[in-house]
Every structure is written in C-alpha cells, then in structure tokens.
Amino acid sequence: MDKIEKRDHLEAIHYANDQGQTIRFTRYLNSNTDVRIDTEGAAVRNIMIHDKEAILAEKQGLASIVWEDDTLFSLIREIERAELIKMAESIK
C-alpha cells in the first residue's frame, strides 16, 4: 500500500508494484457523490458485479470499474479486464 487518502466523501487506497503498475480503490462515503469516468474515446460496457450493474471503461491501458452495492465503489488499474473484474468481485 503506497498511500491512503481520506476525505469527507471518500476513502482511497493506492497501490503500486515494482514494475510501476498501479491500482486505485475508492469507496465513496456519501451515496449522493457523483463519480466521473473518462469515457471519451474509451471502450465502455455494462457488466455485473454481485448482481449489480457496473460500468467498465478501458482507455489507453487503464481499466476502470464503477459500481454500487450499498456503497459506491471505483477500481482503476493498469491490467487486463478479466483481472480487474475479479478484483471488483472480491470486494464485499
């Protein structure tokens, strides 16, 4: 874990490995929070995480998933789509 960021409306954890690949996991504390994903020029599709609709966006080597399961979450990583989905599904 490289950095923990806490604000009034979110908690974020940043990870980086020795190769410089990063992961950012964010839990939004207020359900009224607007989460923005850069979808311009991205491949965007709807997927399911724990029977909840999620948005998956892939652009320039980054994959992002945003979903709500009682709490709003986002996960961003330089990784294959399937691995990012597995990570999101492991969050309870």
PDB file of N, CA and C in Angstrom:
ATOM      1  N   MET A   1       0.857  -1.160   0.000  1.00  0.00           N
ATOM      2  CA  MET A   1       0.000   0.000   0.000  1.00  0.00           C
ATOM      3  C   MET A   1       0.907   1.227   0.000  1.00  0.00           C
ATOM      4  N   ASP A   2       0.725   2.082  -0.965  1.00  0.00           N
ATOM      5  CA  ASP A   2       1.580   3.250  -1.074  1.00  0.00           C
ATOM      6  C   ASP A   2       0.987   4.493  -0.428  1.00  0.00           C
ATOM      7  N   LYS A   3      -0.337   4.596  -0.480  1.00  0.00           N
ATOM      8  CA  LYS A   3      -0.946   5.825   0.006  1.00  0.00           C
ATOM      9  C   LYS A   3      -2.408   5.560   0.354  1.00  0.00           C
ATOM     10  N   ILE A   4      -2.842   6.123   1.473  1.00  0.00           N
ATOM     11  CA  ILE A   4      -4.257   6.111   1.837  1.00  0.00           C
ATOM     12  C   ILE A   4      -4.717   7.556   1.852  1.00  0.00           C
ATOM     13  N   GLU A   5      -5.805   7.803   1.172  1.00  0.00           N
ATOM     14  CA  GLU A   5      -6.354   9.157   1.064  1.00  0.00           C
ATOM     15  C   GLU A   5      -7.741   9.152   1.692  1.00  0.00           C
ATOM     16  N   LYS A   6      -7.955  10.031   2.668  1.00  0.00           N
ATOM     17  CA  LYS A   6      -9.271  10.130   3.311  1.00  0.00           C
ATOM     18  C   LYS A   6      -9.756  11.564   3.201  1.00  0.00           C
ATOM     19  N   ARG A   7     -10.967  11.684   2.728  1.00  0.00           N
ATOM     20  CA  ARG A   7     -11.630  12.985   2.644  1.00  0.00           C
ATOM     21  C   ARG A   7     -13.019  12.834   3.233  1.00  0.00           C
ATOM     22  N   ASP A   8     -13.751  13.916   3.289  1.00  0.00           N
ATOM     23  CA  ASP A   8     -15.101  13.857   3.855  1.00  0.00           C
ATOM     24  C   ASP A   8     -15.995  12.880   3.110  1.00  0.00           C
ATOM     25  N   HIS A   9     -15.806  12.762   1.814  1.00  0.00           N
ATOM     26  CA  HIS A   9     -16.724  11.977   0.991  1.00  0.00           C
ATOM     27  C   HIS A   9     -16.140  10.678   0.429  1.00  0.00           C
ATOM     28  N   LEU A  10     -14.846  10.392   0.694  1.00  0.00           N
ATOM     29  CA  LEU A  10     -14.262   9.174   0.129  1.00  0.00           C
ATOM     30  C   LEU A  10     -13.075   8.686   0.929  1.00  0.00           C
ATOM     31  N   GLU A  11     -12.767   7.412   0.707  1.00  0.00           N
ATOM     32  CA  GLU A  11     -11.534   6.795   1.178  1.00  0.00           C
ATOM     33  C   GLU A  11     -10.921   6.099  -0.030  1.00  0.00           C
ATOM     34  N   ALA A  12      -9.651   6.358  -0.280  1.00  0.00           N
ATOM     35  CA  ALA A  12      -8.984   5.759  -1.441  1.00  0.00           C
ATOM     36  C   ALA A  12      -7.676   5.115  -1.003  1.00  0.00           C
ATOM     37  N   ILE A  13      -7.389   3.984  -1.601  1.00  0.00           N
ATOM     38  CA  ILE A  13      -6.141   3.283  -1.349  1.00  0.00           C
ATOM     39  C   ILE A  13      -5.414   3.161  -2.682  1.00  0.00           C
ATOM     40  N   HIS A  14      -4.149   3.554  -2.684  1.00  0.00           N
ATOM     41  CA  HIS A  14      -3.313   3.493  -3.885  1.00  0.00           C
ATOM     42  C   HIS A  14      -2.238   2.424  -3.665  1.00  0.00           C
ATOM     43  N   TYR A  15      -2.065   1.570  -4.641  1.00  0.00           N
ATOM     44  CA  TYR A  15      -1.024   0.548  -4.621  1.00  0.00           C
ATOM     45  C   TYR A  15      -0.174   0.709  -5.876  1.00  0.00           C
ATOM     46  N   ALA A  16       1.102   0.343  -5.769  1.00  0.00           N
ATOM     47  CA  ALA A  16       1.975   0.278  -6.945  1.00  0.00           C
ATOM     48  C   ALA A  16       2.946  -0.876  -6.737  1.00  0.00           C
ATOM     49  N   ASN A  17       3.187  -1.651  -7.800  1.00  0.00           N
ATOM     50  CA  ASN A  17       4.159  -2.736  -7.683  1.00  0.00           C
ATOM     51  C   ASN A  17       5.519  -2.263  -8.182  1.00  0.00           C
ATOM     52  N   ASP A  18       6.493  -3.156  -8.157  1.00  0.00           N
ATOM     53  CA  ASP A  18       7.860  -2.804  -8.558  1.00  0.00           C
ATOM     54  C   ASP A  18       7.975  -2.438 -10.029  1.00  0.00           C
ATOM     55  N   GLN A  19       7.022  -2.899 -10.845  1.00  0.00           N
ATOM     56  CA  GLN A  19       7.031  -2.579 -12.273  1.00  0.00           C
ATOM     57  C   GLN A  19       6.309  -1.265 -12.567  1.00  0.00           C
ATOM     58  N   GLY A  20       5.802  -0.609 -11.542  1.00  0.00           N
ATOM     59  CA  GLY A  20       5.125   0.672 -11.732  1.00  0.00           C
ATOM     60  C   GLY A  20       3.646   0.563 -12.047  1.00  0.00           C
ATOM     61  N   GLN A  21       3.098  -0.658 -12.048  1.00  0.00           N
ATOM     62  CA  GLN A  21       1.662  -0.811 -12.274  1.00  0.00           C
ATOM     63  C   GLN A  21       0.915  -0.335 -11.032  1.00  0.00           C
ATOM     64  N   THR A  22      -0.191   0.340 -11.252  1.00  0.00           N
ATOM     65  CA  THR A  22      -0.918   0.929 -10.132  1.00  0.00           C
ATOM     66  C   THR A  22      -2.346   0.402 -10.035  1.00  0.00           C
ATOM     67  N   ILE A  23      -2.870   0.480  -8.827  1.00  0.00           N
ATOM     68  CA  ILE A  23      -4.272   0.180  -8.551  1.00  0.00           C
ATOM     69  C   ILE A  23      -4.773   1.301  -7.652  1.00  0.00           C
ATOM     70  N   ARG A  24      -5.964   1.778  -7.931  1.00  0.00           N
ATOM     71  CA  ARG A  24      -6.611   2.739  -7.041  1.00  0.00           C
ATOM     72  C   ARG A  24      -8.006   2.207  -6.735  1.00  0.00           C
ATOM     73  N   PHE A  25      -8.248   1.967  -5.454  1.00  0.00           N
ATOM     74  CA  PHE A  25      -9.559   1.523  -4.992  1.00  0.00           C
ATOM     75  C   PHE A  25     -10.173   2.661  -4.187  1.00  0.00           C
ATOM     76  N   THR A  26     -11.394   3.045  -4.536  1.00  0.00           N
ATOM     77  CA  THR A  26     -12.063   4.149  -3.843  1.00  0.00           C
ATOM     78  C   THR A  26     -13.430   3.698  -3.359  1.00  0.00           C
ATOM     79  N   ARG A  27     -13.715   4.040  -2.118  1.00  0.00           N
ATOM     80  CA  ARG A  27     -15.046   3.817  -1.536  1.00  0.00           C
ATOM     81  C   ARG A  27     -15.601   5.192  -1.208  1.00  0.00           C
ATOM     82  N   TYR A  28     -16.732   5.502  -1.817  1.00  0.00           N
ATOM     83  CA  TYR A  28     -17.361   6.805  -1.624  1.00  0.00           C
ATOM     84  C   TYR A  28     -18.310   6.716  -0.440  1.00  0.00           C
ATOM     85  N   LEU A  29     -18.175   7.624   0.504  1.00  0.00           N
ATOM     86  CA  LEU A  29     -18.904   7.553   1.762  1.00  0.00           C
ATOM     87  C   LEU A  29     -20.292   8.153   1.689  1.00  0.00           C
ATOM     88  N   ASN A  30     -20.548   8.929   0.670  1.00  0.00           N
ATOM     89  CA  ASN A  30     -21.844   9.577   0.510  1.00  0.00           C
ATOM     90  C   ASN A  30     -22.472   9.056  -0.776  1.00  0.00           C
ATOM     91  N   SER A  31     -23.644   8.472  -0.681  1.00  0.00           N
ATOM     92  CA  SER A  31     -24.273   7.894  -1.872  1.00  0.00           C
ATOM     93  C   SER A  31     -24.700   8.944  -2.890  1.00  0.00           C
ATOM     94  N   ASN A  32     -24.678  10.204  -2.511  1.00  0.00           N
ATOM     95  CA  ASN A  32     -25.032  11.284  -3.438  1.00  0.00           C
ATOM     96  C   ASN A  32     -23.825  11.797  -4.217  1.00  0.00           C
ATOM     97  N   THR A  33     -22.682  11.164  -4.054  1.00  0.00           N
ATOM     98  CA  THR A  33     -21.463  11.579  -4.729  1.00  0.00           C
ATOM     99  C   THR A  33     -21.535  11.250  -6.216  1.00  0.00           C
ATOM    100  N   ASP A  34     -21.132  12.184  -7.049  1.00  0.00           N
ATOM    101  CA  ASP A  34     -21.022  11.937  -8.486  1.00  0.00           C
ATOM    102  C   ASP A  34     -19.623  11.413  -8.781  1.00  0.00           C
ATOM    103  N   VAL A  35     -19.557  10.303  -9.475  1.00  0.00           N
ATOM    104  CA  VAL A  35     -18.279   9.731  -9.874  1.00  0.00           C
ATOM    105  C   VAL A  35     -18.148   9.908 -11.370  1.00  0.00           C
ATOM    106  N   ARG A  36     -17.032  10.437 -11.789  1.00  0.00           N
ATOM    107  CA  ARG A  36     -16.814  10.678 -13.218  1.00  0.00           C
ATOM    108  C   ARG A  36     -15.741   9.744 -13.743  1.00  0.00           C
ATOM    109  N   ILE A  37     -16.043   9.173 -14.884  1.00  0.00           N
ATOM    110  CA  ILE A  37     -15.101   8.299 -15.577  1.00  0.00           C
ATOM    111  C   ILE A  37     -14.822   8.928 -16.929  1.00  0.00           C
ATOM    112  N   ASP A  38     -13.564   8.951 -17.314  1.00  0.00           N
ATOM    113  CA  ASP A  38     -13.204   9.467 -18.632  1.00  0.00           C
ATOM    114  C   ASP A  38     -13.605   8.429 -19.677  1.00  0.00           C
ATOM    115  N   THR A  39     -14.724   8.677 -20.343  1.00  0.00           N
ATOM    116  CA  THR A  39     -15.222   7.734 -21.352  1.00  0.00           C
ATOM    117  C   THR A  39     -14.967   8.212 -22.778  1.00  0.00           C
ATOM    118  N   GLU A  40     -14.436   9.415 -22.932  1.00  0.00           N
ATOM    119  CA  GLU A  40     -14.176   9.928 -24.276  1.00  0.00           C
ATOM    120  C   GLU A  40     -13.111   9.066 -24.946  1.00  0.00           C
ATOM    121  N   GLY A  41     -13.475   8.428 -26.033  1.00  0.00           N
ATOM    122  CA  GLY A  41     -12.560   7.561 -26.761  1.00  0.00           C
ATOM    123  C   GLY A  41     -12.319   6.216 -26.082  1.00  0.00           C
ATOM    124  N   ALA A  42     -13.066   5.919 -25.031  1.00  0.00           N
ATOM    125  CA  ALA A  42     -12.888   4.665 -24.294  1.00  0.00           C
ATOM    126  C   ALA A  42     -13.865   3.601 -24.791  1.00  0.00           C
ATOM    127  N   ALA A  43     -13.495   2.358 -24.591  1.00  0.00           N
ATOM    128  CA  ALA A  43     -14.415   1.239 -24.823  1.00  0.00           C
ATOM    129  C   ALA A  43     -15.205   1.077 -23.528  1.00  0.00           C
ATOM    130  N   VAL A  44     -16.509   1.300 -23.585  1.00  0.00           N
ATOM    131  CA  VAL A  44     -17.356   1.283 -22.389  1.00  0.00           C
ATOM    132  C   VAL A  44     -18.411   0.202 -22.539  1.00  0.00           C
ATOM    133  N   ARG A  45     -18.628  -0.537 -21.460  1.00  0.00           N
ATOM    134  CA  ARG A  45     -19.703  -1.521 -21.476  1.00  0.00           C
ATOM    135  C   ARG A  45     -20.230  -1.721 -20.063  1.00  0.00           C
ATOM    136  N   ASN A  46     -21.443  -2.222 -19.978  1.00  0.00           N
ATOM    137  CA  ASN A  46     -22.050  -2.545 -18.694  1.00  0.00           C
ATOM    138  C   ASN A  46     -21.734  -3.994 -18.358  1.00  0.00           C
ATOM    139  N   ILE A  47     -21.383  -4.228 -17.095  1.00  0.00           N
ATOM    140  CA  ILE A  47     -21.119  -5.576 -16.600  1.00  0.00           C
ATOM    141  C   ILE A  47     -21.874  -5.739 -15.283  1.00  0.00           C
ATOM    142  N   MET A  48     -21.819  -6.923 -14.715  1.00  0.00           N
ATOM    143  CA  MET A  48     -22.458  -7.178 -13.430  1.00  0.00           C
ATOM    144  C   MET A  48     -21.393  -7.516 -12.390  1.00  0.00           C
ATOM    145  N   ILE A  49     -21.497  -6.883 -11.222  1.00  0.00           N
ATOM    146  CA  ILE A  49     -20.659  -7.186 -10.065  1.00  0.00           C
ATOM    147  C   ILE A  49     -21.623  -7.483  -8.922  1.00  0.00           C
ATOM    148  N   HIS A  50     -21.592  -8.692  -8.394  1.00  0.00           N
ATOM    149  CA  HIS A  50     -22.519  -9.093  -7.312  1.00  0.00           C
ATOM    150  C   HIS A  50     -23.967  -8.793  -7.674  1.00  0.00           C
ATOM    151  N   ASP A  51     -24.380  -9.124  -8.866  1.00  0.00           N
ATOM    152  CA  ASP A  51     -25.754  -8.905  -9.334  1.00  0.00           C
ATOM    153  C   ASP A  51     -26.141  -7.430  -9.395  1.00  0.00           C
ATOM    154  N   LYS A  52     -25.167  -6.552  -9.406  1.00  0.00           N
ATOM    155  CA  LYS A  52     -25.407  -5.110  -9.530  1.00  0.00           C
ATOM    156  C   LYS A  52     -24.763  -4.633 -10.824  1.00  0.00           C
ATOM    157  N   GLU A  53     -25.433  -3.713 -11.499  1.00  0.00           N
ATOM    158  CA  GLU A  53     -24.876  -3.180 -12.740  1.00  0.00           C
ATOM    159  C   GLU A  53     -23.655  -2.318 -12.442  1.00  0.00           C
ATOM    160  N   ALA A  54     -22.638  -2.496 -13.249  1.00  0.00           N
ATOM    161  CA  ALA A  54     -21.399  -1.732 -13.125  1.00  0.00           C
ATOM    162  C   ALA A  54     -21.010  -1.215 -14.501  1.00  0.00           C
ATOM    163  N   ILE A  55     -20.180  -0.194 -14.513  1.00  0.00           N
ATOM    164  CA  ILE A  55     -19.662   0.359 -15.765  1.00  0.00           C
ATOM    165  C   ILE A  55     -18.177   0.037 -15.840  1.00  0.00           C
ATOM    166  N   LEU A  56     -17.772  -0.546 -16.954  1.00  0.00           N
ATOM    167  CA  LEU A  56     -16.375  -0.849 -17.224  1.00  0.00           C
ATOM    168  C   LEU A  56     -15.928   0.025 -18.383  1.00  0.00           C
ATOM    169  N   ALA A  57     -14.866   0.789 -18.179  1.00  0.00           N
ATOM    170  CA  ALA A  57     -14.308   1.631 -19.240  1.00  0.00           C
ATOM    171  C   ALA A  57     -12.831   1.285 -19.405  1.00  0.00           C
ATOM    172  N   GLU A  58     -12.396   1.147 -20.653  1.00  0.00           N
ATOM    173  CA  GLU A  58     -10.998   0.850 -20.948  1.00  0.00           C
ATOM    174  C   GLU A  58     -10.466   1.888 -21.926  1.00  0.00           C
ATOM    175  N   LYS A  59      -9.341   2.475 -21.548  1.00  0.00           N
ATOM    176  CA  LYS A  59      -8.762   3.525 -22.385  1.00  0.00           C
ATOM    177  C   LYS A  59      -7.266   3.613 -22.109  1.00  0.00           C
ATOM    178  N   GLN A  60      -6.476   3.578 -23.143  1.00  0.00           N
ATOM    179  CA  GLN A  60      -5.031   3.788 -23.080  1.00  0.00           C
ATOM    180  C   GLN A  60      -4.358   2.969 -21.979  1.00  0.00           C
ATOM    181  N   GLY A  61      -4.702   1.681 -21.900  1.00  0.00           N
ATOM    182  CA  GLY A  61      -4.056   0.796 -20.943  1.00  0.00           C
ATOM    183  C   GLY A  61      -4.633   0.802 -19.543  1.00  0.00           C
ATOM    184  N   LEU A  62      -5.604   1.659 -19.284  1.00  0.00           N
ATOM    185  CA  LEU A  62      -6.258   1.699 -17.974  1.00  0.00           C
ATOM    186  C   LEU A  62      -7.656   1.118 -18.073  1.00  0.00           C
ATOM    187  N   ALA A  63      -8.023   0.337 -17.082  1.00  0.00           N
ATOM    188  CA  ALA A  63      -9.387  -0.171 -16.985  1.00  0.00           C
ATOM    189  C   ALA A  63      -9.993   0.381 -15.703  1.00  0.00           C
ATOM    190  N   SER A  64     -11.237   0.821 -15.783  1.00  0.00           N
ATOM    191  CA  SER A  64     -11.946   1.383 -14.633  1.00  0.00           C
ATOM    192  C   SER A  64     -13.290   0.697 -14.496  1.00  0.00           C
ATOM    193  N   ILE A  65     -13.654   0.383 -13.257  1.00  0.00           N
ATOM    194  CA  ILE A  65     -14.980  -0.154 -12.965  1.00  0.00           C
ATOM    195  C   ILE A  65     -15.596   0.711 -11.877  1.00  0.00           C
ATOM    196  N   VAL A  66     -16.850   1.080 -12.068  1.00  0.00           N
ATOM    197  CA  VAL A  66     -17.611   1.802 -11.046  1.00  0.00           C
ATOM    198  C   VAL A  66     -18.893   1.023 -10.817  1.00  0.00           C
ATOM    199  N   TRP A  67     -19.212   0.776  -9.536  1.00  0.00           N
ATOM    200  CA  TRP A  67     -20.443   0.056  -9.205  1.00  0.00           C
ATOM    201  C   TRP A  67     -20.928   0.482  -7.829  1.00  0.00           C
ATOM    202  N   GLU A  68     -22.190   0.171  -7.575  1.00  0.00           N
ATOM    203  CA  GLU A  68     -22.790   0.495  -6.281  1.00  0.00           C
ATOM    204  C   GLU A  68     -23.400  -0.766  -5.697  1.00  0.00           C
ATOM    205  N   ASP A  69     -23.018  -1.046  -4.459  1.00  0.00           N
ATOM    206  CA  ASP A  69     -23.555  -2.188  -3.722  1.00  0.00           C
ATOM    207  C   ASP A  69     -23.702  -1.724  -2.278  1.00  0.00           C
ATOM    208  N   ASP A  70     -24.737  -0.948  -2.022  1.00  0.00           N
ATOM    209  CA  ASP A  70     -24.968  -0.229  -0.764  1.00  0.00           C
ATOM    210  C   ASP A  70     -23.995   0.936  -0.595  1.00  0.00           C
ATOM    211  N   THR A  71     -22.829   0.839  -1.150  1.00  0.00           N
ATOM    212  CA  THR A  71     -21.825   1.898  -1.159  1.00  0.00           C
ATOM    213  C   THR A  71     -21.319   2.006  -2.588  1.00  0.00           C
ATOM    214  N   LEU A  72     -20.912   3.195  -2.981  1.00  0.00           N
ATOM    215  CA  LEU A  72     -20.374   3.408  -4.324  1.00  0.00           C
ATOM    216  C   LEU A  72     -18.879   3.119  -4.307  1.00  0.00           C
ATOM    217  N   PHE A  73     -18.408   2.328  -5.287  1.00  0.00           N
ATOM    218  CA  PHE A  73     -17.008   1.938  -5.379  1.00  0.00           C
ATOM    219  C   PHE A  73     -16.453   2.256  -6.762  1.00  0.00           C
ATOM    220  N   SER A  74     -15.144   2.490  -6.826  1.00  0.00           N
ATOM    221  CA  SER A  74     -14.460   2.521  -8.121  1.00  0.00           C
ATOM    222  C   SER A  74     -13.116   1.830  -7.966  1.00  0.00           C
ATOM    223  N   LEU A  75     -12.691   1.208  -9.039  1.00  0.00           N
ATOM    224  CA  LEU A  75     -11.436   0.479  -9.070  1.00  0.00           C
ATOM    225  C   LEU A  75     -10.784   0.794 -10.404  1.00  0.00           C
ATOM    226  N   ILE A  76      -9.546   1.268 -10.355  1.00  0.00           N
ATOM    227  CA  ILE A  76      -8.827   1.657 -11.571  1.00  0.00           C
ATOM    228  C   ILE A  76      -7.470   0.961 -11.551  1.00  0.00           C
ATOM    229  N   ARG A  77      -7.126   0.346 -12.681  1.00  0.00           N
ATOM    230  CA  ARG A  77      -5.861  -0.378 -12.711  1.00  0.00           C
ATOM    231  C   ARG A  77      -5.339  -0.519 -14.134  1.00  0.00           C
ATOM    232  N   GLU A  78      -4.016  -0.605 -14.233  1.00  0.00           N
ATOM    233  CA  GLU A  78      -3.347  -0.927 -15.491  1.00  0.00           C
ATOM    234  C   GLU A  78      -3.264  -2.446 -15.562  1.00  0.00           C
ATOM    235  N   ILE A  79      -4.324  -3.071 -16.029  1.00  0.00           N
ATOM    236  CA  ILE A  79      -4.400  -4.532 -16.002  1.00  0.00           C
ATOM    237  C   ILE A  79      -5.417  -5.010 -17.021  1.00  0.00           C
ATOM    238  N   GLU A  80      -5.398  -6.300 -17.261  1.00  0.00           N
ATOM    239  CA  GLU A  80      -6.399  -6.892 -18.136  1.00  0.00           C
ATOM    240  C   GLU A  80      -7.783  -6.779 -17.509  1.00  0.00           C
ATOM    241  N   ARG A  81      -8.761  -6.639 -18.351  1.00  0.00           N
ATOM    242  CA  ARG A  81     -10.156  -6.504 -17.929  1.00  0.00           C
ATOM    243  C   ARG A  81     -10.583  -7.629 -16.984  1.00  0.00           C
ATOM    244  N   ALA A  82     -10.273  -8.867 -17.322  1.00  0.00           N
ATOM    245  CA  ALA A  82     -10.715 -10.012 -16.514  1.00  0.00           C
ATOM    246  C   ALA A  82     -10.159  -9.948 -15.095  1.00  0.00           C
ATOM    247  N   GLU A  83      -8.917  -9.526 -14.953  1.00  0.00           N
ATOM    248  CA  GLU A  83      -8.314  -9.413 -13.622  1.00  0.00           C
ATOM    249  C   GLU A  83      -8.978  -8.309 -12.804  1.00  0.00           C
ATOM    250  N   LEU A  84      -9.294  -7.207 -13.441  1.00  0.00           N
ATOM    251  CA  LEU A  84      -9.952  -6.106 -12.733  1.00  0.00           C
ATOM    252  C   LEU A  84     -11.350  -6.525 -12.273  1.00  0.00           C
ATOM    253  N   ILE A  85     -12.062  -7.253 -13.112  1.00  0.00           N
ATOM    254  CA  ILE A  85     -13.394  -7.734 -12.741  1.00  0.00           C
ATOM    255  C   ILE A  85     -13.290  -8.691 -11.553  1.00  0.00           C
ATOM    256  N   LYS A  86     -12.296  -9.582 -11.559  1.00  0.00           N
ATOM    257  CA  LYS A  86     -12.095 -10.486 -10.420  1.00  0.00           C
ATOM    258  C   LYS A  86     -11.842  -9.697  -9.142  1.00  0.00           C
ATOM    259  N   MET A  87     -11.041  -8.657  -9.238  1.00  0.00           N
ATOM    260  CA  MET A  87     -10.765  -7.829  -8.059  1.00  0.00           C
ATOM    261  C   MET A  87     -12.048  -7.193  -7.543  1.00  0.00           C
ATOM    262  N   ALA A  88     -12.846  -6.634  -8.440  1.00  0.00           N
ATOM    263  CA  ALA A  88     -14.100  -5.992  -8.033  1.00  0.00           C
ATOM    264  C   ALA A  88     -15.034  -7.007  -7.388  1.00  0.00           C
ATOM    265  N   GLU A  89     -15.101  -8.210  -7.945  1.00  0.00           N
ATOM    266  CA  GLU A  89     -15.981  -9.239  -7.395  1.00  0.00           C
ATOM    267  C   GLU A  89     -15.527  -9.721  -6.023  1.00  0.00           C
ATOM    268  N   SER A  90     -14.253  -9.541  -5.697  1.00  0.00           N
ATOM    269  CA  SER A  90     -13.748  -9.979  -4.390  1.00  0.00           C
ATOM    270  C   SER A  90     -14.066  -8.982  -3.276  1.00  0.00           C
ATOM    271  N   ILE A  91     -14.529  -7.798  -3.637  1.00  0.00           N
ATOM    272  CA  ILE A  91     -14.840  -6.761  -2.648  1.00  0.00           C
ATOM    273  C   ILE A  91     -16.257  -6.963  -2.145  1.00  0.00           C
ATOM    274  N   LYS A  92     -16.399  -7.035  -0.853  1.00  0.00           N
ATOM    275  CA  LYS A  92     -17.723  -7.237  -0.238  1.00  0.00           C
ATOM    276  C   LYS A  92     -18.055  -6.084   0.668  1.00  0.00           C
TER     277      LYS A  92
END
